[in-house]
Amino acid sequence: MRVIHRSVQLFLAAFFVSSVVGTSLVLAQEGVAARPLKIGIIDVRQIYVSYDKRPIFEKEIETMQATMRARYAERTEKLRNLADEIEQFEDGSEERKERMKTYQKRIAELQSFQQAAQKIRDERISEITKELYGDIDEVIKAYGKEHDYDIILKKDILEEKSYGQMELLLRIGQRIILYHKDSLDVTQDILKRVNEKYNARKAEEAKAGKVETEQPEPAKEQQRKEQKKEEQKKEEAK
């Protein structure tokens, strides 16, 4: 049902854009517009992948994941040691019962940690994606106004790879632009401006003494929170 609902949404979106473009063309032909409609086409995915800012965030996510994996491994090792310790006591003994309670508690804590880590990672990736696409969107709008475009459309390229039937149908349904003249494609112009804007700002910050660190502030803040939680747990354990 979700796939069908998604297909309907994609069809309506494509129909809406087609209607807008078609109506605009008709108005232009009828003389309502003083000039021909000016249309631009861009490959947003190519711009996103080639954005100079993206590798910095990728490194942040890699560092975050490595830290989480290390902490997960540390907790897992403690569980193994506790399991080995439990085996040293006889079944039914008070010592074994107490350690089993601790073992079950640690398992629950490990599961909670794993879920929390996944949530933090997903939320950060969502924030990064919004920020990167926000940067690109600003440049597209500024470029469109500067060059007096009436509309700039997103093109979707069907990659040469194997897809499942439903995924293939969805990707086909997402394609709004099926053909366009090469002269309409402004992808490289937008990409150049996106990177120029980012690198110019980066250079200005470096001159002002605000050197961009390898690990952005959100990642450092998250590490501080995790360290604080660890310290609290140690205090409680005492």
C-alpha atoms as a PDB file:
ATOM      1  CA  MET A   1       0.000   0.000   0.000  1.00  0.00           C
ATOM      2  CA  ARG A   2       2.871   2.356   0.781  1.00  0.00           C
ATOM      3  CA  VAL A   3       4.429   1.702  -2.612  1.00  0.00           C
ATOM      4  CA  ILE A   4       1.136   2.369  -4.370  1.00  0.00           C
ATOM      5  CA  HIS A   5       0.592   5.542  -2.329  1.00  0.00           C
ATOM      6  CA  ARG A   6       4.111   6.677  -3.194  1.00  0.00           C
ATOM      7  CA  SER A   7       3.477   6.012  -6.883  1.00  0.00           C
ATOM      8  CA  VAL A   8       0.332   8.140  -6.782  1.00  0.00           C
ATOM      9  CA  GLN A   9       2.238  10.967  -5.097  1.00  0.00           C
ATOM     10  CA  LEU A  10       4.959  10.827  -7.721  1.00  0.00           C
ATOM     11  CA  PHE A  11       2.416  10.802 -10.522  1.00  0.00           C
ATOM     12  CA  LEU A  12       0.590  13.820  -9.079  1.00  0.00           C
ATOM     13  CA  ALA A  13       3.875  15.667  -8.625  1.00  0.00           C
ATOM     14  CA  ALA A  14       4.878  14.964 -12.209  1.00  0.00           C
ATOM     15  CA  PHE A  15       1.423  15.948 -13.430  1.00  0.00           C
ATOM     16  CA  PHE A  16       1.561  19.218 -11.461  1.00  0.00           C
ATOM     17  CA  VAL A  17       4.937  20.213 -12.910  1.00  0.00           C
ATOM     18  CA  SER A  18       3.837  19.223 -16.411  1.00  0.00           C
ATOM     19  CA  SER A  19       0.679  21.296 -15.998  1.00  0.00           C
ATOM     20  CA  VAL A  20       2.630  24.334 -14.832  1.00  0.00           C
ATOM     21  CA  VAL A  21       5.094  24.108 -17.694  1.00  0.00           C
ATOM     22  CA  GLY A  22       2.371  23.401 -20.218  1.00  0.00           C
ATOM     23  CA  THR A  23       0.239  26.313 -19.041  1.00  0.00           C
ATOM     24  CA  SER A  24       3.224  28.651 -19.115  1.00  0.00           C
ATOM     25  CA  LEU A  25       4.053  27.610 -22.666  1.00  0.00           C
ATOM     26  CA  VAL A  26       0.469  28.169 -23.786  1.00  0.00           C
ATOM     27  CA  LEU A  27       0.437  31.631 -22.236  1.00  0.00           C
ATOM     28  CA  ALA A  28       3.689  32.445 -23.956  1.00  0.00           C
ATOM     29  CA  GLN A  29       2.290  31.312 -27.296  1.00  0.00           C
ATOM     30  CA  GLU A  30      -0.864  33.372 -26.769  1.00  0.00           C
ATOM     31  CA  GLY A  31       1.175  36.488 -26.194  1.00  0.00           C
ATOM     32  CA  VAL A  32       0.421  36.832 -22.475  1.00  0.00           C
ATOM     33  CA  ALA A  33       4.178  36.642 -21.742  1.00  0.00           C
ATOM     34  CA  ALA A  34       6.398  39.250 -23.357  1.00  0.00           C
ATOM     35  CA  ARG A  35       9.154  36.739 -24.065  1.00  0.00           C
ATOM     36  CA  PRO A  36       9.659  32.976 -24.518  1.00  0.00           C
ATOM     37  CA  LEU A  37       9.661  30.903 -21.352  1.00  0.00           C
ATOM     38  CA  LYS A  38      13.197  30.422 -20.027  1.00  0.00           C
ATOM     39  CA  ILE A  39      13.759  26.950 -18.572  1.00  0.00           C
ATOM     40  CA  GLY A  40      16.799  25.443 -16.898  1.00  0.00           C
ATOM     41  CA  ILE A  41      17.539  21.800 -16.099  1.00  0.00           C
ATOM     42  CA  ILE A  42      19.820  20.530 -13.317  1.00  0.00           C
ATOM     43  CA  ASP A  43      21.036  17.204 -11.964  1.00  0.00           C
ATOM     44  CA  VAL A  44      20.709  17.824  -8.198  1.00  0.00           C
ATOM     45  CA  ARG A  45      22.262  14.470  -7.327  1.00  0.00           C
ATOM     46  CA  GLN A  46      25.435  15.268  -9.258  1.00  0.00           C
ATOM     47  CA  ILE A  47      25.727  18.623  -7.482  1.00  0.00           C
ATOM     48  CA  TYR A  48      25.171  16.996  -4.082  1.00  0.00           C
ATOM     49  CA  VAL A  49      27.784  14.303  -4.702  1.00  0.00           C
ATOM     50  CA  SER A  50      30.349  16.823  -5.993  1.00  0.00           C
ATOM     51  CA  TYR A  51      29.779  19.462  -3.285  1.00  0.00           C
ATOM     52  CA  ASP A  52      33.115  20.231  -1.588  1.00  0.00           C
ATOM     53  CA  LYS A  53      31.421  20.519   1.801  1.00  0.00           C
ATOM     54  CA  ARG A  54      30.095  16.963   1.783  1.00  0.00           C
ATOM     55  CA  PRO A  55      33.378  15.086   2.564  1.00  0.00           C
ATOM     56  CA  ILE A  56      33.709  16.997   5.854  1.00  0.00           C
ATOM     57  CA  PHE A  57      30.354  15.712   7.029  1.00  0.00           C
ATOM     58  CA  GLU A  58      31.128  12.222   5.748  1.00  0.00           C
ATOM     59  CA  LYS A  59      34.230  12.215   7.942  1.00  0.00           C
ATOM     60  CA  GLU A  60      32.107  13.360  10.887  1.00  0.00           C
ATOM     61  CA  ILE A  61      29.706  10.446  10.399  1.00  0.00           C
ATOM     62  CA  GLU A  62      32.586   7.987  10.022  1.00  0.00           C
ATOM     63  CA  THR A  63      34.130   9.268  13.283  1.00  0.00           C
ATOM     64  CA  MET A  64      30.764   9.073  15.035  1.00  0.00           C
ATOM     65  CA  GLN A  65      30.194   5.493  13.848  1.00  0.00           C
ATOM     66  CA  ALA A  66      33.719   4.426  14.827  1.00  0.00           C
ATOM     67  CA  THR A  67      33.218   5.846  18.330  1.00  0.00           C
ATOM     68  CA  MET A  68      29.876   4.101  18.695  1.00  0.00           C
ATOM     69  CA  ARG A  69      31.291   0.785  17.440  1.00  0.00           C
ATOM     70  CA  ALA A  70      34.164   1.021  19.937  1.00  0.00           C
ATOM     71  CA  ARG A  71      31.778   1.677  22.834  1.00  0.00           C
ATOM     72  CA  TYR A  72      29.495  -1.135  21.708  1.00  0.00           C
ATOM     73  CA  ALA A  73      32.465  -3.510  21.529  1.00  0.00           C
ATOM     74  CA  GLU A  74      33.567  -2.439  25.007  1.00  0.00           C
ATOM     75  CA  ARG A  75      30.126  -3.187  26.455  1.00  0.00           C
ATOM     76  CA  THR A  76      29.958  -6.506  24.624  1.00  0.00           C
ATOM     77  CA  GLU A  77      33.318  -7.548  26.020  1.00  0.00           C
ATOM     78  CA  LYS A  78      32.154  -6.747  29.558  1.00  0.00           C
ATOM     79  CA  LEU A  79      29.076  -8.902  28.964  1.00  0.00           C
ATOM     80  CA  ARG A  80      31.260 -11.814  27.834  1.00  0.00           C
ATOM     81  CA  ASN A  81      33.433 -11.484  30.923  1.00  0.00           C
ATOM     82  CA  LEU A  82      30.359 -11.399  33.131  1.00  0.00           C
ATOM     83  CA  ALA A  83      28.951 -14.497  31.390  1.00  0.00           C
ATOM     84  CA  ASP A  84      32.218 -16.345  32.023  1.00  0.00           C
ATOM     85  CA  GLU A  85      32.104 -15.261  35.652  1.00  0.00           C
ATOM     86  CA  ILE A  86      28.541 -16.558  36.047  1.00  0.00           C
ATOM     87  CA  GLU A  87      29.604 -20.017  34.851  1.00  0.00           C
ATOM     88  CA  GLN A  88      31.958 -20.278  37.809  1.00  0.00           C
ATOM     89  CA  PHE A  89      29.035 -20.415  40.245  1.00  0.00           C
ATOM     90  CA  GLU A  90      26.693 -23.318  40.834  1.00  0.00           C
ATOM     91  CA  ASP A  91      23.138 -23.262  39.546  1.00  0.00           C
ATOM     92  CA  GLY A  92      20.749 -21.857  42.123  1.00  0.00           C
ATOM     93  CA  SER A  93      23.442 -20.176  44.179  1.00  0.00           C
ATOM     94  CA  GLU A  94      22.848 -16.648  45.415  1.00  0.00           C
ATOM     95  CA  GLU A  95      26.022 -15.452  43.702  1.00  0.00           C
ATOM     96  CA  ARG A  96      24.857 -16.798  40.370  1.00  0.00           C
ATOM     97  CA  LYS A  97      21.384 -15.271  40.783  1.00  0.00           C
ATOM     98  CA  GLU A  98      22.801 -11.837  41.594  1.00  0.00           C
ATOM     99  CA  ARG A  99      25.148 -11.905  38.646  1.00  0.00           C
ATOM    100  CA  MET A 100      22.381 -13.085  36.340  1.00  0.00           C
ATOM    101  CA  LYS A 101      20.333 -10.044  37.346  1.00  0.00           C
ATOM    102  CA  THR A 102      23.291  -7.830  36.527  1.00  0.00           C
ATOM    103  CA  TYR A 103      23.776  -9.683  33.232  1.00  0.00           C
ATOM    104  CA  GLN A 104      20.153  -9.159  32.167  1.00  0.00           C
ATOM    105  CA  LYS A 105      20.363  -5.498  33.130  1.00  0.00           C
ATOM    106  CA  ARG A 106      23.546  -5.049  31.065  1.00  0.00           C
ATOM    107  CA  ILE A 107      21.924  -6.704  28.053  1.00  0.00           C
ATOM    108  CA  ALA A 108      18.994  -4.274  28.253  1.00  0.00           C
ATOM    109  CA  GLU A 109      21.441  -1.371  28.569  1.00  0.00           C
ATOM    110  CA  LEU A 110      23.377  -2.604  25.527  1.00  0.00           C
ATOM    111  CA  GLN A 111      20.210  -2.800  23.456  1.00  0.00           C
ATOM    112  CA  SER A 112      19.198   0.694  24.571  1.00  0.00           C
ATOM    113  CA  PHE A 113      22.645   1.997  23.688  1.00  0.00           C
ATOM    114  CA  GLN A 114      22.456   0.454  20.231  1.00  0.00           C
ATOM    115  CA  GLN A 115      19.027   1.970  19.565  1.00  0.00           C
ATOM    116  CA  ALA A 116      20.071   5.381  20.883  1.00  0.00           C
ATOM    117  CA  ALA A 117      23.262   5.339  18.806  1.00  0.00           C
ATOM    118  CA  GLN A 118      21.308   4.482  15.658  1.00  0.00           C
ATOM    119  CA  LYS A 119      18.831   7.274  16.353  1.00  0.00           C
ATOM    120  CA  ILE A 120      21.600   9.821  16.927  1.00  0.00           C
ATOM    121  CA  ARG A 121      23.304   8.766  13.706  1.00  0.00           C
ATOM    122  CA  ASP A 122      20.108   8.917  11.640  1.00  0.00           C
ATOM    123  CA  GLU A 123      19.143  12.312  13.045  1.00  0.00           C
ATOM    124  CA  ARG A 124      22.583  13.736  12.309  1.00  0.00           C
ATOM    125  CA  ILE A 125      22.544  12.392   8.751  1.00  0.00           C
ATOM    126  CA  SER A 126      19.125  14.001   8.280  1.00  0.00           C
ATOM    127  CA  GLU A 127      20.463  17.337   9.574  1.00  0.00           C
ATOM    128  CA  ILE A 128      23.482  17.148   7.273  1.00  0.00           C
ATOM    129  CA  THR A 129      21.350  16.293   4.247  1.00  0.00           C
ATOM    130  CA  LYS A 130      19.023  19.224   4.916  1.00  0.00           C
ATOM    131  CA  GLU A 131      21.975  21.590   5.336  1.00  0.00           C
ATOM    132  CA  LEU A 132      23.706  20.499   2.123  1.00  0.00           C
ATOM    133  CA  TYR A 133      20.528  20.613   0.055  1.00  0.00           C
ATOM    134  CA  GLY A 134      19.688  23.951   1.654  1.00  0.00           C
ATOM    135  CA  ASP A 135      22.996  25.373   0.442  1.00  0.00           C
ATOM    136  CA  ILE A 136      22.345  24.060  -3.059  1.00  0.00           C
ATOM    137  CA  ASP A 137      18.772  25.374  -3.072  1.00  0.00           C
ATOM    138  CA  GLU A 138      19.946  28.892  -2.161  1.00  0.00           C
ATOM    139  CA  VAL A 139      22.372  28.955  -5.064  1.00  0.00           C
ATOM    140  CA  ILE A 140      19.756  27.631  -7.492  1.00  0.00           C
ATOM    141  CA  LYS A 141      17.291  30.354  -6.517  1.00  0.00           C
ATOM    142  CA  ALA A 142      19.916  33.096  -6.725  1.00  0.00           C
ATOM    143  CA  TYR A 143      21.095  31.806 -10.106  1.00  0.00           C
ATOM    144  CA  GLY A 144      17.541  31.621 -11.413  1.00  0.00           C
ATOM    145  CA  LYS A 145      16.784  35.211 -10.392  1.00  0.00           C
ATOM    146  CA  GLU A 146      20.089  36.536 -11.718  1.00  0.00           C
ATOM    147  CA  HIS A 147      19.631  34.924 -15.114  1.00  0.00           C
ATOM    148  CA  ASP A 148      15.887  35.559 -15.251  1.00  0.00           C
ATOM    149  CA  TYR A 149      14.781  31.933 -15.429  1.00  0.00           C
ATOM    150  CA  ASP A 150      11.066  31.245 -15.263  1.00  0.00           C
ATOM    151  CA  ILE A 151      11.586  27.733 -13.964  1.00  0.00           C
ATOM    152  CA  ILE A 152      14.474  25.382 -13.170  1.00  0.00           C
ATOM    153  CA  LEU A 153      13.588  21.696 -13.165  1.00  0.00           C
ATOM    154  CA  LYS A 154      15.303  18.691 -11.634  1.00  0.00           C
ATOM    155  CA  LYS A 155      16.248  15.844 -13.920  1.00  0.00           C
ATOM    156  CA  ASP A 156      16.582  12.259 -12.708  1.00  0.00           C
ATOM    157  CA  ILE A 157      18.985   9.915 -14.427  1.00  0.00           C
ATOM    158  CA  LEU A 158      18.093   6.230 -14.519  1.00  0.00           C
ATOM    159  CA  GLU A 159      21.405   4.629 -13.587  1.00  0.00           C
ATOM    160  CA  GLU A 160      22.670   1.580 -15.425  1.00  0.00           C
ATOM    161  CA  LYS A 161      22.184  -0.968 -12.661  1.00  0.00           C
ATOM    162  CA  SER A 162      19.776  -3.763 -11.882  1.00  0.00           C
ATOM    163  CA  TYR A 163      16.587  -2.791 -10.042  1.00  0.00           C
ATOM    164  CA  GLY A 164      13.738  -4.765  -8.595  1.00  0.00           C
ATOM    165  CA  GLN A 165      10.459  -4.381 -10.446  1.00  0.00           C
ATOM    166  CA  MET A 166       8.822  -2.019  -7.936  1.00  0.00           C
ATOM    167  CA  GLU A 167      11.970   0.079  -7.471  1.00  0.00           C
ATOM    168  CA  LEU A 168      12.349   0.354 -11.238  1.00  0.00           C
ATOM    169  CA  LEU A 169       8.729   1.493 -11.600  1.00  0.00           C
ATOM    170  CA  LEU A 170       9.220   4.069  -8.832  1.00  0.00           C
ATOM    171  CA  ARG A 171      12.365   5.438 -10.425  1.00  0.00           C
ATOM    172  CA  ILE A 172      10.662   5.657 -13.795  1.00  0.00           C
ATOM    173  CA  GLY A 173       7.742   7.432 -12.141  1.00  0.00           C
ATOM    174  CA  GLN A 174      10.126   9.940 -10.552  1.00  0.00           C
ATOM    175  CA  ARG A 175      11.482  11.018 -13.908  1.00  0.00           C
ATOM    176  CA  ILE A 176       9.911  14.306 -14.925  1.00  0.00           C
ATOM    177  CA  ILE A 177      12.368  15.321 -17.651  1.00  0.00           C
ATOM    178  CA  LEU A 178      12.592  12.683 -20.378  1.00  0.00           C
ATOM    179  CA  TYR A 179      14.368  14.834 -22.948  1.00  0.00           C
ATOM    180  CA  HIS A 180      15.967  18.256 -23.066  1.00  0.00           C
ATOM    181  CA  LYS A 181      18.479  20.128 -25.162  1.00  0.00           C
ATOM    182  CA  ASP A 182      21.976  20.178 -23.705  1.00  0.00           C
ATOM    183  CA  SER A 183      21.888  23.973 -23.739  1.00  0.00           C
ATOM    184  CA  LEU A 184      19.187  23.912 -21.038  1.00  0.00           C
ATOM    185  CA  ASP A 185      21.403  22.020 -18.579  1.00  0.00           C
ATOM    186  CA  VAL A 186      22.928  24.414 -16.027  1.00  0.00           C
ATOM    187  CA  THR A 187      24.218  21.725 -13.644  1.00  0.00           C
ATOM    188  CA  GLN A 188      27.878  22.664 -13.996  1.00  0.00           C
ATOM    189  CA  ASP A 189      27.144  26.370 -13.539  1.00  0.00           C
ATOM    190  CA  ILE A 190      25.255  25.656 -10.310  1.00  0.00           C
ATOM    191  CA  LEU A 191      27.923  23.241  -9.051  1.00  0.00           C
ATOM    192  CA  LYS A 192      30.659  25.797  -9.705  1.00  0.00           C
ATOM    193  CA  ARG A 193      28.770  28.468  -7.773  1.00  0.00           C
ATOM    194  CA  VAL A 194      27.941  26.155  -4.876  1.00  0.00           C
ATOM    195  CA  ASN A 195      31.596  25.258  -4.392  1.00  0.00           C
ATOM    196  CA  GLU A 196      32.826  28.814  -4.961  1.00  0.00           C
ATOM    197  CA  LYS A 197      30.436  30.138  -2.317  1.00  0.00           C
ATOM    198  CA  TYR A 198      31.445  27.476   0.190  1.00  0.00           C
ATOM    199  CA  ASN A 199      35.201  27.834  -0.394  1.00  0.00           C
ATOM    200  CA  ALA A 200      34.992  31.640  -0.247  1.00  0.00           C
ATOM    201  CA  ARG A 201      33.230  31.470   3.119  1.00  0.00           C
ATOM    202  CA  LYS A 202      35.739  28.914   4.340  1.00  0.00           C
ATOM    203  CA  ALA A 203      38.629  31.186   3.324  1.00  0.00           C
ATOM    204  CA  GLU A 204      37.046  34.165   5.102  1.00  0.00           C
ATOM    205  CA  GLU A 205      36.622  32.144   8.296  1.00  0.00           C
ATOM    206  CA  ALA A 206      40.240  31.001   8.102  1.00  0.00           C
ATOM    207  CA  LYS A 207      41.424  34.605   7.789  1.00  0.00           C
ATOM    208  CA  ALA A 208      39.297  35.581  10.764  1.00  0.00           C
ATOM    209  CA  GLY A 209      40.927  32.822  12.793  1.00  0.00           C
ATOM    210  CA  LYS A 210      37.895  30.555  12.775  1.00  0.00           C
ATOM    211  CA  VAL A 211      39.571  27.515  11.259  1.00  0.00           C
ATOM    212  CA  GLU A 212      37.118  24.730  10.448  1.00  0.00           C
ATOM    213  CA  THR A 213      37.969  21.680  12.509  1.00  0.00           C
ATOM    214  CA  GLU A 214      37.990  18.169  11.177  1.00  0.00           C
ATOM    215  CA  GLN A 215      35.098  17.339  13.498  1.00  0.00           C
ATOM    216  CA  PRO A 216      32.124  19.783  13.376  1.00  0.00           C
ATOM    217  CA  GLU A 217      30.613  21.103  16.599  1.00  0.00           C
ATOM    218  CA  PRO A 218      27.542  18.780  16.651  1.00  0.00           C
ATOM    219  CA  ALA A 219      29.817  15.739  16.746  1.00  0.00           C
ATOM    220  CA  LYS A 220      31.923  17.174  19.580  1.00  0.00           C
ATOM    221  CA  GLU A 221      28.796  18.062  21.531  1.00  0.00           C
ATOM    222  CA  GLN A 222      27.483  14.527  21.118  1.00  0.00           C
ATOM    223  CA  GLN A 223      30.780  13.129  22.381  1.00  0.00           C
ATOM    224  CA  ARG A 224      30.576  15.356  25.451  1.00  0.00           C
ATOM    225  CA  LYS A 225      27.064  14.052  26.163  1.00  0.00           C
ATOM    226  CA  GLU A 226      28.201  10.441  25.800  1.00  0.00           C
ATOM    227  CA  GLN A 227      31.166  11.029  28.133  1.00  0.00           C
ATOM    228  CA  LYS A 228      28.864  12.626  30.701  1.00  0.00           C
ATOM    229  CA  LYS A 229      26.547   9.609  30.575  1.00  0.00           C
ATOM    230  CA  GLU A 230      29.529   7.288  31.060  1.00  0.00           C
ATOM    231  CA  GLU A 231      30.670   9.248  34.112  1.00  0.00           C
ATOM    232  CA  GLN A 232      27.161   9.134  35.596  1.00  0.00           C
ATOM    233  CA  LYS A 233      26.977   5.364  35.106  1.00  0.00           C
ATOM    234  CA  LYS A 234      30.338   4.915  36.822  1.00  0.00           C
ATOM    235  CA  GLU A 235      29.149   7.002  39.756  1.00  0.00           C
ATOM    236  CA  GLU A 236      25.952   4.949  40.019  1.00  0.00           C
ATOM    237  CA  ALA A 237      27.945   1.725  39.878  1.00  0.00           C
ATOM    238  CA  LYS A 238      29.982   2.862  42.877  1.00  0.00           C
END
